[in-house]
Amino acid sequence: MQCKVTLLDGSEYGCDVDKRSRGQVLFDK
């Protein structure tokens, strides 16, 4: 599953995570 995160400076960060993952996976990336 693709996710897109908008950071505080306005830039975007995209990554692929397993759809059963928890939020901690995003912080680890």
PDB file of N, CA and C in Angstrom:
ATOM      1  N   MET A   1       0.849  -1.173   0.000  1.00  0.00           N
ATOM      2  CA  MET A   1       0.000   0.000   0.000  1.00  0.00           C
ATOM      3  C   MET A   1       0.895   1.237   0.000  1.00  0.00           C
ATOM      4  N   GLN A   2       0.574   2.186  -0.848  1.00  0.00           N
ATOM      5  CA  GLN A   2       1.353   3.415  -0.895  1.00  0.00           C
ATOM      6  C   GLN A   2       0.793   4.426   0.084  1.00  0.00           C
ATOM      7  N   CYS A   3       1.679   5.166   0.701  1.00  0.00           N
ATOM      8  CA  CYS A   3       1.232   6.249   1.569  1.00  0.00           C
ATOM      9  C   CYS A   3       2.005   7.507   1.212  1.00  0.00           C
ATOM     10  N   LYS A   4       1.387   8.642   1.463  1.00  0.00           N
ATOM     11  CA  LYS A   4       2.014   9.931   1.181  1.00  0.00           C
ATOM     12  C   LYS A   4       1.864  10.791   2.420  1.00  0.00           C
ATOM     13  N   VAL A   5       2.991  11.306   2.905  1.00  0.00           N
ATOM     14  CA  VAL A   5       2.998  12.123   4.109  1.00  0.00           C
ATOM     15  C   VAL A   5       3.457  13.529   3.729  1.00  0.00           C
ATOM     16  N   THR A   6       2.692  14.532   4.129  1.00  0.00           N
ATOM     17  CA  THR A   6       3.100  15.918   3.917  1.00  0.00           C
ATOM     18  C   THR A   6       3.830  16.395   5.168  1.00  0.00           C
ATOM     19  N   LEU A   7       5.088  16.755   4.998  1.00  0.00           N
ATOM     20  CA  LEU A   7       5.908  17.177   6.124  1.00  0.00           C
ATOM     21  C   LEU A   7       5.636  18.634   6.473  1.00  0.00           C
ATOM     22  N   LEU A   8       6.119  19.053   7.630  1.00  0.00           N
ATOM     23  CA  LEU A   8       5.839  20.405   8.116  1.00  0.00           C
ATOM     24  C   LEU A   8       6.381  21.495   7.200  1.00  0.00           C
ATOM     25  N   ASP A   9       7.449  21.198   6.470  1.00  0.00           N
ATOM     26  CA  ASP A   9       8.005  22.209   5.567  1.00  0.00           C
ATOM     27  C   ASP A   9       7.301  22.226   4.212  1.00  0.00           C
ATOM     28  N   GLY A  10       6.242  21.433   4.068  1.00  0.00           N
ATOM     29  CA  GLY A  10       5.460  21.426   2.838  1.00  0.00           C
ATOM     30  C   GLY A  10       5.887  20.376   1.833  1.00  0.00           C
ATOM     31  N   SER A  11       7.018  19.723   2.070  1.00  0.00           N
ATOM     32  CA  SER A  11       7.455  18.686   1.145  1.00  0.00           C
ATOM     33  C   SER A  11       6.673  17.402   1.406  1.00  0.00           C
ATOM     34  N   GLU A  12       6.681  16.522   0.412  1.00  0.00           N
ATOM     35  CA  GLU A  12       5.937  15.272   0.543  1.00  0.00           C
ATOM     36  C   GLU A  12       6.895  14.098   0.562  1.00  0.00           C
ATOM     37  N   TYR A  13       6.556  13.115   1.374  1.00  0.00           N
ATOM     38  CA  TYR A  13       7.350  11.899   1.486  1.00  0.00           C
ATOM     39  C   TYR A  13       6.437  10.727   1.170  1.00  0.00           C
ATOM     40  N   GLY A  14       6.833   9.905   0.211  1.00  0.00           N
ATOM     41  CA  GLY A  14       6.027   8.749  -0.149  1.00  0.00           C
ATOM     42  C   GLY A  14       6.764   7.463   0.155  1.00  0.00           C
ATOM     43  N   CYS A  15       6.029   6.432   0.510  1.00  0.00           N
ATOM     44  CA  CYS A  15       6.649   5.140   0.770  1.00  0.00           C
ATOM     45  C   CYS A  15       5.613   4.037   0.607  1.00  0.00           C
ATOM     46  N   ASP A  16       6.102   2.814   0.551  1.00  0.00           N
ATOM     47  CA  ASP A  16       5.233   1.647   0.469  1.00  0.00           C
ATOM     48  C   ASP A  16       5.272   0.920   1.802  1.00  0.00           C
ATOM     49  N   VAL A  17       4.105   0.626   2.351  1.00  0.00           N
ATOM     50  CA  VAL A  17       4.028  -0.125   3.602  1.00  0.00           C
ATOM     51  C   VAL A  17       3.013  -1.247   3.438  1.00  0.00           C
ATOM     52  N   ASP A  18       3.165  -2.265   4.237  1.00  0.00           N
ATOM     53  CA  ASP A  18       2.189  -3.344   4.259  1.00  0.00           C
ATOM     54  C   ASP A  18       0.900  -2.819   4.879  1.00  0.00           C
ATOM     55  N   LYS A  19      -0.239  -3.181   4.320  1.00  0.00           N
ATOM     56  CA  LYS A  19      -1.483  -2.577   4.807  1.00  0.00           C
ATOM     57  C   LYS A  19      -1.856  -3.022   6.218  1.00  0.00           C
ATOM     58  N   ARG A  20      -1.217  -4.054   6.734  1.00  0.00           N
ATOM     59  CA  ARG A  20      -1.482  -4.485   8.112  1.00  0.00           C
ATOM     60  C   ARG A  20      -0.479  -3.881   9.093  1.00  0.00           C
ATOM     61  N   SER A  21       0.394  -3.003   8.598  1.00  0.00           N
ATOM     62  CA  SER A  21       1.421  -2.394   9.446  1.00  0.00           C
ATOM     63  C   SER A  21       0.811  -1.372  10.392  1.00  0.00           C
ATOM     64  N   ARG A  22       1.556  -1.078  11.422  1.00  0.00           N
ATOM     65  CA  ARG A  22       1.146  -0.043  12.369  1.00  0.00           C
ATOM     66  C   ARG A  22       1.897   1.243  12.055  1.00  0.00           C
ATOM     67  N   GLY A  23       1.511   2.326  12.677  1.00  0.00           N
ATOM     68  CA  GLY A  23       2.109   3.624  12.416  1.00  0.00           C
ATOM     69  C   GLY A  23       3.606   3.682  12.666  1.00  0.00           C
ATOM     70  N   GLN A  24       4.096   2.852  13.567  1.00  0.00           N
ATOM     71  CA  GLN A  24       5.524   2.866  13.885  1.00  0.00           C
ATOM     72  C   GLN A  24       6.369   2.566  12.654  1.00  0.00           C
ATOM     73  N   VAL A  25       5.837   1.798  11.719  1.00  0.00           N
ATOM     74  CA  VAL A  25       6.579   1.457  10.504  1.00  0.00           C
ATOM     75  C   VAL A  25       6.940   2.717   9.729  1.00  0.00           C
ATOM     76  N   LEU A  26       6.031   3.686   9.691  1.00  0.00           N
ATOM     77  CA  LEU A  26       6.311   4.944   8.993  1.00  0.00           C
ATOM     78  C   LEU A  26       7.446   5.705   9.660  1.00  0.00           C
ATOM     79  N   PHE A  27       7.472   5.727  10.984  1.00  0.00           N
ATOM     80  CA  PHE A  27       8.539   6.425  11.690  1.00  0.00           C
ATOM     81  C   PHE A  27       9.880   5.732  11.474  1.00  0.00           C
ATOM     82  N   ASP A  28       9.855   4.413  11.354  1.00  0.00           N
ATOM     83  CA  ASP A  28      11.092   3.671  11.123  1.00  0.00           C
ATOM     84  C   ASP A  28      11.669   3.962   9.746  1.00  0.00           C
ATOM     85  N   LYS A  29      10.809   4.269   8.781  1.00  0.00           N
ATOM     86  CA  LYS A  29      11.283   4.575   7.427  1.00  0.00           C
ATOM     87  C   LYS A  29      11.777   5.977   7.413  1.00  0.00           C
TER      88      LYS A  29
END
